[in-house]
Protein backbone atom coordinates (compact mmCIF):
# COMPACT_ATOMS: atom_id res chain seq x y z
CA MET A 1 1.43 133.79 -32.51
CA TYR A 2 0.81 130.55 -30.61
CA LEU A 3 4.01 131.06 -28.62
CA TYR A 4 3.01 134.65 -27.75
CA ARG A 5 -0.34 133.45 -26.44
CA LEU A 6 1.31 130.64 -24.49
CA LEU A 7 3.74 133.05 -22.85
CA LEU A 8 0.88 135.43 -22.08
CA SER A 9 -1.09 132.65 -20.40
CA PHE A 10 1.90 131.93 -18.12
CA ALA A 11 2.06 135.64 -17.28
CA LEU A 12 -1.59 135.85 -16.18
CA PRO A 13 -0.91 135.06 -12.48
CA ALA A 14 1.66 137.85 -12.37
CA ILE A 15 -0.82 140.19 -14.07
CA ALA A 16 -3.47 139.29 -11.49
CA LEU A 17 -0.99 139.99 -8.67
CA ASN A 18 -0.14 143.34 -10.25
CA PHE A 19 -3.83 144.24 -10.34
CA ALA A 20 -4.16 143.34 -6.66
CA LEU A 21 -1.14 145.49 -5.75
CA ARG A 22 -2.57 148.44 -7.67
CA LEU A 23 -5.76 148.16 -5.64
CA LEU A 24 -3.84 147.93 -2.36
CA ARG A 25 -1.71 150.95 -3.26
CA ARG A 26 -4.89 152.74 -4.39
CA SER A 27 -3.15 153.72 -7.61
CA GLU A 28 -6.17 152.21 -9.37
CA THR A 29 -9.75 151.54 -8.36
CA ALA A 30 -11.79 148.38 -8.78
CA ASP A 31 -13.56 150.10 -11.66
CA ASP A 32 -10.18 150.73 -13.33
CA ILE A 33 -9.39 147.03 -13.14
CA ARG A 34 -12.81 146.16 -14.56
CA GLN A 35 -12.12 148.49 -17.47
CA ARG A 36 -8.82 146.70 -18.14
CA LEU A 37 -10.61 143.34 -18.06
CA ALA A 38 -13.62 144.66 -20.05
CA THR A 39 -15.97 143.46 -17.31
CA ARG A 40 -17.32 146.91 -16.44
CA GLU A 41 -21.11 146.80 -16.43
CA GLU A 42 -22.53 149.35 -18.85
CA PRO A 43 -25.08 149.29 -21.65
CA ARG A 44 -23.96 148.24 -25.11
CA LEU A 45 -22.70 151.37 -26.81
CA THR A 46 -24.20 153.00 -29.87
CA GLY A 47 -22.48 153.56 -33.19
CA PRO A 48 -21.18 153.96 -35.74
CA ARG A 49 -18.09 153.86 -33.55
CA ILE A 50 -14.31 153.87 -33.96
CA TRP A 51 -11.92 152.49 -31.36
CA LEU A 52 -8.88 154.80 -31.13
CA HIS A 53 -5.95 153.84 -28.91
CA GLY A 54 -2.85 155.71 -27.72
CA ALA A 55 -0.38 154.63 -25.07
CA SER A 56 -0.64 157.64 -22.76
CA ASN A 57 -0.77 161.43 -22.50
CA GLY A 58 1.81 162.31 -25.13
CA GLU A 59 0.42 160.08 -27.86
CA LEU A 60 -3.18 161.10 -27.24
CA ALA A 61 -2.37 164.81 -26.96
CA GLY A 62 -0.54 164.53 -30.29
CA ALA A 63 -3.60 162.86 -31.82
CA ARG A 64 -6.11 165.41 -30.56
CA ALA A 65 -6.25 167.26 -33.89
CA VAL A 66 -7.00 163.98 -35.67
CA ILE A 67 -9.72 163.14 -33.16
CA GLU A 68 -11.39 166.53 -33.43
CA ARG A 69 -11.24 166.58 -37.23
CA LEU A 70 -12.72 163.08 -37.47
CA LEU A 71 -15.63 164.07 -35.22
CA GLU A 72 -16.16 167.24 -37.25
CA ALA A 73 -16.01 165.46 -40.61
CA HIS A 74 -18.33 162.63 -39.56
CA PRO A 75 -21.18 164.09 -37.46
CA GLY A 76 -22.69 160.69 -36.68
CA LEU A 77 -19.40 159.13 -35.56
CA HIS A 78 -18.73 158.02 -31.98
CA LEU A 79 -15.28 157.31 -30.54
CA THR A 80 -14.08 155.00 -27.80
CA ILE A 81 -10.59 156.26 -26.89
CA THR A 82 -8.37 153.99 -24.80
CA SER A 83 -5.08 154.49 -23.02
CA ASN A 84 -2.71 152.24 -21.12
CA THR A 85 -2.63 154.71 -18.22
CA THR A 86 -5.23 156.30 -15.98
CA THR A 87 -3.63 159.70 -16.63
CA GLY A 88 -4.07 159.27 -20.39
CA ARG A 89 -7.68 158.22 -19.97
CA ASP A 90 -8.40 161.13 -17.63
CA LEU A 91 -6.73 163.56 -20.02
CA VAL A 92 -9.13 162.54 -22.79
CA ALA A 93 -12.12 162.63 -20.45
CA GLY A 94 -11.14 166.17 -19.47
CA TRP A 95 -11.42 167.32 -23.09
CA MET A 96 -15.19 166.67 -22.91
CA LEU A 97 -15.41 166.12 -26.65
CA PRO A 98 -18.83 165.22 -28.07
CA ARG A 99 -19.70 161.60 -28.86
CA THR A 100 -16.53 160.40 -27.13
CA ILE A 101 -15.85 158.13 -24.15
CA ALA A 102 -12.49 157.39 -22.53
CA ARG A 103 -11.55 154.00 -21.12
CA LEU A 104 -8.48 152.06 -20.04
CA ALA A 105 -7.24 149.74 -22.76
CA PRO A 106 -8.30 146.10 -22.48
CA LEU A 107 -5.73 143.49 -21.54
CA ASP A 108 -4.24 141.81 -24.62
CA THR A 109 -5.96 138.47 -24.18
CA ARG A 110 -8.49 137.08 -26.64
CA ALA A 111 -11.24 136.69 -24.03
CA THR A 112 -10.84 140.26 -22.79
CA LEU A 113 -10.77 141.61 -26.33
CA ARG A 114 -13.93 139.68 -27.26
CA ARG A 115 -15.77 141.26 -24.33
CA PHE A 116 -14.47 144.71 -25.26
CA LEU A 117 -15.46 144.37 -28.92
CA ASP A 118 -18.90 143.00 -27.99
CA LEU A 119 -19.55 146.00 -25.75
CA HIS A 120 -18.16 148.82 -27.88
CA VAL A 121 -18.95 147.34 -31.32
CA PRO A 122 -16.39 149.42 -33.23
CA GLN A 123 -16.28 149.36 -37.01
CA ALA A 124 -12.53 150.12 -37.13
CA LEU A 125 -9.44 150.38 -34.90
CA ILE A 126 -7.11 153.37 -35.13
CA VAL A 127 -3.75 152.98 -33.36
CA ILE A 128 -1.51 155.94 -32.52
CA GLU A 129 2.24 155.37 -32.83
CA ASN A 130 3.70 152.08 -31.57
CA GLU A 131 0.93 150.16 -29.85
CA LEU A 132 1.09 147.01 -31.98
CA TRP A 133 -0.30 144.48 -29.50
CA PRO A 134 -0.52 141.10 -31.25
CA ASN A 135 -3.87 139.82 -29.97
CA ARG A 136 -5.46 143.26 -30.30
CA LEU A 137 -4.58 143.65 -33.96
CA THR A 138 -5.29 140.06 -35.00
CA SER A 139 -8.58 140.01 -33.06
CA ALA A 140 -9.64 143.20 -34.83
CA ARG A 141 -8.79 141.68 -38.20
CA LYS A 142 -10.70 138.48 -37.45
CA ALA A 143 -13.69 140.58 -36.40
CA GLY A 144 -13.59 142.27 -39.80
CA LEU A 145 -12.32 145.63 -38.52
CA PRO A 146 -9.95 147.74 -40.62
CA VAL A 147 -6.81 148.52 -38.61
CA VAL A 148 -5.19 151.93 -39.20
CA VAL A 149 -1.87 152.92 -37.58
CA ILE A 150 -0.93 156.61 -37.54
CA SER A 151 2.54 158.09 -36.93
CA ALA A 152 4.12 154.70 -36.24
CA ARG A 153 7.76 154.62 -35.23
CA LEU A 154 10.08 151.61 -35.47
CA SER A 155 13.69 152.01 -34.37
CA ALA A 156 16.45 149.73 -35.62
CA ARG A 157 16.61 148.13 -32.17
CA SER A 158 12.85 147.43 -32.08
CA ALA A 159 12.94 146.10 -35.64
CA GLY A 160 15.69 143.69 -34.58
CA ARG A 161 13.51 142.38 -31.75
CA TRP A 162 10.54 141.85 -34.08
CA ALA A 163 12.84 140.10 -36.57
CA ARG A 164 13.55 137.38 -33.98
CA TRP A 165 9.88 136.37 -34.31
CA PRO A 166 9.26 136.58 -38.06
CA GLY A 167 6.03 134.58 -37.98
CA LEU A 168 4.55 136.77 -35.28
CA ALA A 169 5.69 139.94 -37.07
CA ARG A 170 4.10 138.87 -40.37
CA GLU A 171 0.81 137.89 -38.72
CA VAL A 172 0.55 141.15 -36.77
CA LEU A 173 1.56 143.36 -39.69
CA SER A 174 -0.74 141.53 -42.11
CA SER A 175 -3.63 142.64 -39.87
CA ILE A 176 -2.93 146.29 -40.70
CA THR A 177 -5.05 147.96 -43.38
CA LEU A 178 -3.11 151.24 -43.50
CA LEU A 179 0.06 152.41 -41.75
CA SER A 180 1.54 155.90 -41.87
CA ALA A 181 5.01 155.89 -40.30
CA GLN A 182 6.66 158.86 -38.63
CA ASP A 183 9.58 158.76 -41.06
CA ALA A 184 10.85 156.97 -44.16
CA GLU A 185 13.28 154.79 -42.16
CA SER A 186 10.45 153.41 -40.00
CA ALA A 187 8.35 152.75 -43.10
CA GLU A 188 11.20 150.75 -44.64
CA ARG A 189 11.62 148.69 -41.47
CA PHE A 190 7.91 147.89 -41.31
CA ALA A 191 8.00 146.80 -44.96
CA ALA A 192 11.05 144.60 -44.34
CA LEU A 193 9.21 142.86 -41.49
CA GLY A 194 6.25 142.01 -43.71
CA LEU A 195 3.88 144.98 -43.84
CA PRO A 196 1.98 144.61 -47.13
CA ASP A 197 2.85 147.19 -49.80
CA THR A 198 -0.83 148.05 -50.10
CA ALA A 199 -0.90 149.13 -46.44
CA ILE A 200 1.95 151.64 -46.64
CA ALA A 201 0.88 155.30 -46.60
CA LYS A 202 2.96 158.46 -46.80
CA PRO A 203 4.95 159.12 -43.57
CA PHE A 204 3.40 161.59 -41.16
CA ALA A 205 4.63 162.68 -37.70
CA LEU A 206 1.66 163.63 -35.54
CA LYS A 207 3.47 165.37 -32.71
CA SER A 208 5.29 167.87 -34.93
CA SER A 209 1.92 168.88 -36.43
CA ALA A 210 -0.13 168.88 -33.22
CA PRO A 211 -1.38 172.19 -31.83
CA PRO A 212 0.29 173.38 -28.61
CA PRO A 213 -1.40 172.51 -25.31
CA SER A 214 -3.89 175.01 -23.99
CA VAL A 215 -3.12 177.60 -21.32
CA ASP A 216 -5.51 179.01 -18.73
CA PRO A 217 -5.01 182.78 -19.23
CA ALA A 218 -6.18 183.62 -15.72
CA GLU A 219 -3.65 181.24 -14.16
CA LEU A 220 -0.91 182.54 -16.44
CA ASP A 221 -1.62 186.11 -15.35
CA ARG A 222 -1.64 185.04 -11.70
CA LEU A 223 1.62 183.08 -11.80
CA ALA A 224 3.66 185.14 -14.28
CA PRO A 225 4.77 187.76 -11.70
CA HIS A 226 6.45 184.96 -9.72
CA PHE A 227 8.57 183.71 -12.64
CA GLU A 228 10.98 185.81 -14.69
CA ARG A 229 10.71 183.91 -17.95
CA ALA A 230 14.35 184.21 -19.02
CA GLU A 231 15.40 182.89 -15.59
CA THR A 232 12.92 180.00 -15.37
CA LEU A 233 13.83 176.41 -16.26
CA LEU A 234 11.08 173.86 -16.84
CA ALA A 235 12.05 170.20 -16.42
CA ALA A 236 9.19 168.67 -18.41
CA SER A 237 7.93 165.10 -18.08
CA THR A 238 10.81 163.79 -15.98
CA HIS A 239 11.23 160.14 -15.01
CA PRO A 240 12.69 158.26 -12.01
CA GLY A 241 16.45 158.72 -11.93
CA GLU A 242 16.17 162.04 -13.74
CA GLU A 243 14.89 164.42 -11.06
CA GLU A 244 18.01 163.86 -8.93
CA GLN A 245 20.23 164.92 -11.82
CA VAL A 246 18.12 167.98 -12.64
CA LEU A 247 18.07 169.08 -8.98
CA ALA A 248 21.84 168.62 -8.66
CA ALA A 249 22.44 170.63 -11.82
CA PHE A 250 20.02 173.35 -10.71
CA THR A 251 21.65 173.61 -7.26
CA GLU A 252 25.09 174.02 -8.84
CA ALA A 253 23.85 176.56 -11.40
CA LEU A 254 22.33 178.69 -8.62
CA GLN A 255 25.85 179.54 -7.44
CA THR A 256 26.48 181.62 -10.56
CA ARG A 257 22.89 182.35 -11.58
CA PRO A 258 21.03 183.05 -8.30
CA ALA A 259 17.86 184.32 -9.97
CA LEU A 260 17.24 180.95 -11.66
CA ARG A 261 13.93 179.21 -10.86
CA LEU A 262 12.95 175.59 -11.52
CA ILE A 263 9.49 174.29 -12.42
CA LEU A 264 9.71 170.52 -11.99
CA ALA A 265 6.93 168.63 -13.78
CA PRO A 266 7.23 164.83 -13.39
CA ARG A 267 5.81 162.70 -16.19
CA HIS A 268 3.36 161.04 -13.79
CA ALA A 269 1.61 163.18 -11.20
CA ARG A 270 1.20 160.15 -8.93
CA ARG A 271 4.94 160.41 -8.17
CA SER A 272 4.37 163.74 -6.43
CA ALA A 273 5.31 162.56 -2.92
CA GLU A 274 8.42 160.78 -4.22
CA VAL A 275 9.61 163.84 -6.14
CA ALA A 276 8.81 166.14 -3.21
CA GLY A 277 11.09 163.95 -1.09
CA LEU A 278 13.90 164.35 -3.62
CA ILE A 279 13.54 168.14 -3.61
CA ALA A 280 13.61 168.19 0.21
CA LYS A 281 16.66 165.91 0.23
CA ALA A 282 18.41 168.37 -2.10
CA GLY A 283 17.83 171.05 0.52
CA LEU A 284 15.79 173.29 -1.76
CA PRO A 285 12.70 175.18 -0.56
CA PHE A 286 9.71 174.46 -2.80
CA ALA A 287 6.01 174.96 -3.30
CA THR A 288 3.60 172.29 -4.57
CA ARG A 289 0.99 173.01 -7.21
CA SER A 290 -1.46 170.27 -6.18
CA LYS A 291 -1.57 171.71 -2.67
CA ALA A 292 -2.36 175.19 -4.04
CA GLU A 293 0.77 176.54 -2.38
CA PRO A 294 1.81 179.95 -3.79
CA PRO A 295 5.19 179.81 -5.52
CA GLY A 296 6.44 182.86 -3.67
CA THR A 297 10.22 183.11 -3.84
CA ALA A 298 10.91 179.38 -3.41
CA PRO A 299 13.49 178.31 -6.01
CA VAL A 300 11.54 175.16 -6.97
CA TYR A 301 7.89 174.79 -7.94
CA LEU A 302 6.62 171.20 -8.06
CA ALA A 303 4.13 171.08 -10.94
CA ASP A 304 2.40 167.82 -10.01
CA THR A 305 -0.95 168.26 -11.76
CA MET A 306 -2.40 166.98 -15.02
CA GLY A 307 -3.38 169.03 -18.05
CA GLU A 308 -1.35 172.14 -17.22
CA MET A 309 1.85 171.58 -19.21
CA GLY A 310 0.99 174.47 -21.52
CA LEU A 311 1.00 176.77 -18.50
CA TRP A 312 4.48 175.62 -17.47
CA TYR A 313 5.83 176.10 -21.01
CA ALA A 314 4.37 179.61 -21.10
CA LEU A 315 6.14 180.55 -17.86
CA SER A 316 9.56 179.16 -18.84
CA GLY A 317 12.29 180.49 -21.10
CA LEU A 318 14.28 177.26 -20.83
CA CYS A 319 12.94 173.73 -21.15
CA PHE A 320 14.71 170.47 -20.42
CA THR A 321 12.78 167.68 -22.17
CA GLY A 322 12.48 164.68 -19.89
CA GLY A 323 13.06 161.03 -20.58
CA SER A 324 16.46 161.90 -22.01
CA LEU A 325 18.84 161.67 -19.05
CA VAL A 326 17.52 158.13 -18.53
CA GLU A 327 16.98 155.53 -21.24
CA LYS A 328 13.45 156.51 -22.24
CA GLY A 329 14.27 157.98 -25.65
CA GLY A 330 13.13 161.53 -24.89
CA HIS A 331 9.80 163.32 -25.23
CA THR A 332 8.61 165.65 -27.95
CA PRO A 333 10.47 168.97 -28.32
CA TRP A 334 7.71 170.56 -30.40
CA GLU A 335 5.39 171.54 -27.56
CA PRO A 336 7.96 173.78 -25.80
CA VAL A 337 9.10 175.11 -29.18
CA HIS A 338 5.60 176.50 -29.79
CA PHE A 339 5.96 178.54 -26.59
CA GLY A 340 9.37 180.00 -27.42
CA CYS A 341 11.40 177.90 -24.99
CA ALA A 342 15.11 177.27 -25.51
CA LEU A 343 15.59 173.49 -25.64
CA LEU A 344 17.90 171.30 -23.57
CA HIS A 345 17.90 167.49 -23.60
CA GLY A 346 19.93 164.50 -22.53
CA PRO A 347 21.70 161.89 -24.69
CA SER A 348 18.77 159.43 -24.81
CA SER A 349 16.69 160.89 -27.63
CA PHE A 350 16.12 157.94 -29.98
CA ASN A 351 12.35 158.54 -29.95
CA GLN A 352 12.99 162.03 -31.32
CA ARG A 353 16.11 161.37 -33.39
CA ASP A 354 14.94 163.11 -36.55
CA ALA A 355 13.52 166.08 -34.64
CA PHE A 356 16.67 166.74 -32.65
CA ALA A 357 18.88 166.22 -35.70
CA GLN A 358 17.07 169.10 -37.41
CA LEU A 359 17.14 171.24 -34.28
CA HIS A 360 20.86 170.72 -33.75
CA GLU A 361 21.59 171.50 -37.38
CA ALA A 362 19.85 174.85 -36.80
CA LEU A 363 21.75 175.39 -33.50
CA ALA A 364 18.35 175.38 -31.82
CA ALA A 365 18.94 172.83 -29.03
CA VAL A 366 21.71 171.80 -26.64
CA GLU A 367 22.46 168.22 -25.60
CA VAL A 368 23.73 167.70 -22.06
CA THR A 369 25.27 164.38 -21.11
CA ASP A 370 24.80 164.49 -17.34
CA ALA A 371 24.04 166.70 -14.36
CA LYS A 372 27.40 168.46 -14.52
CA ALA A 373 26.94 169.35 -18.19
CA LEU A 374 23.42 170.57 -17.52
CA ALA A 375 24.69 172.78 -14.69
CA GLN A 376 27.39 174.28 -16.92
CA THR A 377 24.88 174.96 -19.69
CA LEU A 378 22.45 176.63 -17.30
CA ALA A 379 25.24 178.78 -15.88
CA THR A 380 26.52 179.98 -19.25
CA LEU A 381 23.44 180.38 -21.47
CA THR A 382 22.55 184.07 -21.68
CA PRO A 383 19.04 185.43 -22.30
CA GLU A 384 20.26 186.39 -25.78
CA ASP A 385 21.40 182.79 -26.41
CA GLN A 386 18.03 181.51 -25.26
CA ALA A 387 16.10 183.89 -27.50
CA ARG A 388 18.23 182.94 -30.52
CA MET A 389 17.74 179.22 -29.85
CA ALA A 390 13.98 179.64 -29.39
CA GLU A 391 13.64 181.60 -32.63
CA ALA A 392 15.67 179.04 -34.58
CA ALA A 393 13.65 176.14 -33.11
CA PHE A 394 10.36 177.80 -34.03
CA ALA A 395 11.58 178.21 -37.62
CA VAL A 396 12.39 174.48 -37.75
CA ALA A 397 8.94 173.62 -36.39
CA LYS A 398 7.22 175.81 -38.99
CA SER A 399 9.21 174.13 -41.77
CA ARG A 400 7.92 170.73 -40.63
CA GLU A 401 4.25 171.64 -40.56
CA THR A 402 2.16 169.66 -43.00
CA ASP A 403 -1.50 169.65 -43.97
CA ILE A 404 -3.29 166.92 -42.03
CA SER A 405 -6.22 166.73 -44.49
CA PRO A 406 -4.72 164.15 -46.92
CA LEU A 407 -3.91 161.84 -44.01
CA LEU A 408 -7.43 162.17 -42.61
CA THR A 409 -8.91 161.37 -46.00
CA GLU A 410 -6.83 158.18 -46.21
CA VAL A 411 -7.70 157.24 -42.62
CA SER A 412 -11.41 157.80 -43.21
CA ARG A 413 -11.42 155.64 -46.32
CA ALA A 414 -9.36 152.87 -44.74
CA ALA A 415 -11.62 152.87 -41.66
CA GLY A 416 -14.70 152.52 -43.86
CA LEU A 417 -16.18 155.88 -42.96
CA ALA A 418 -18.51 157.59 -45.41
CA GLU A 419 -16.57 160.02 -47.57
CA GLU A 420 -17.06 163.58 -46.38
CA THR A 421 -13.78 164.94 -47.69
CA ALA A 422 -15.14 168.45 -48.13
CA LYS A 423 -15.19 168.77 -44.36
CA LEU A 424 -11.64 167.43 -44.02
């Protein structure tokens, strides 16, 4: 732990420079930086309060059912929900849930965390998935806060990295009161690294049990005439290095499937101008959602807004899940499955290994290795193939659904909340 803090202290000048660059690029405001440093001036917050943290949009969207059920079960409870990204914070703020505030997560230094804890005065910390920041967890433990981790994932590669620092791993994991892993393999890896037996709960995967994102029915009715569902491909949550491959594949597929349309939804809306440049470079006419441009007959629709992914799923019969043609490990397949999309993904799917294993066993998803393979798949998949895949994927999703109530009961007890299990 000492070495981690020493390395972090050396990194502080680089962190300060990064903050300055964010301000210059206007990707963040001065208030955003103050939130990250926990120096934002605001009155001390009321309680009882839980601090809940998720990395970004996907993790927090997956945890929404947990958040809503906790608020319902504990009418006096307040939540401070933090995210590493401004988009994640703004997503939560847009939900407008009662007794809830959204903030950027504090920097993982002891001084910053002390200021954050003094302001928010939480009685417990709930962590979604893999956000095991050493100072955050140990500071919470030293402040007497129970630490609960939900739907944690630990790959063999990540476990190997933690194993190089056994002292740090033991100290961080000993700070955890309760941990529910996504799968049995992750639970075993956490135990091998030093997670106490008393902290191990039954595995639970949040994203496969999360409700689908909402859809604005008026917007769906307005846009649906522009998109023939069986001929519409959604590239969902794409990353740098991925859009070029999707656009190349789409351009090639158009030669044999001219009615095909592409809705391109980058993972981060702030990349809109960059992605628009890539579409223009590919020589494809397009319309941009954030500019309120009508889709018309343009082959590409740039979906560069936040909080509308449900709308794009509802318009698309095919969905390529992003983060899989680059080494990001892939994003959840379960959201498009709920909307009846046929699933395509790239070879990097380690974040969703178990999910895609089940989907492939049911012949409900297709893996494409590169742009050429994606183009061939798009050119040869028939509407009947797509409907069969979508039906099989939905059956897999239904088989994975589990009752969230037992998990919420365990979380409530571990977090020290008054037992109101009848409402869970």
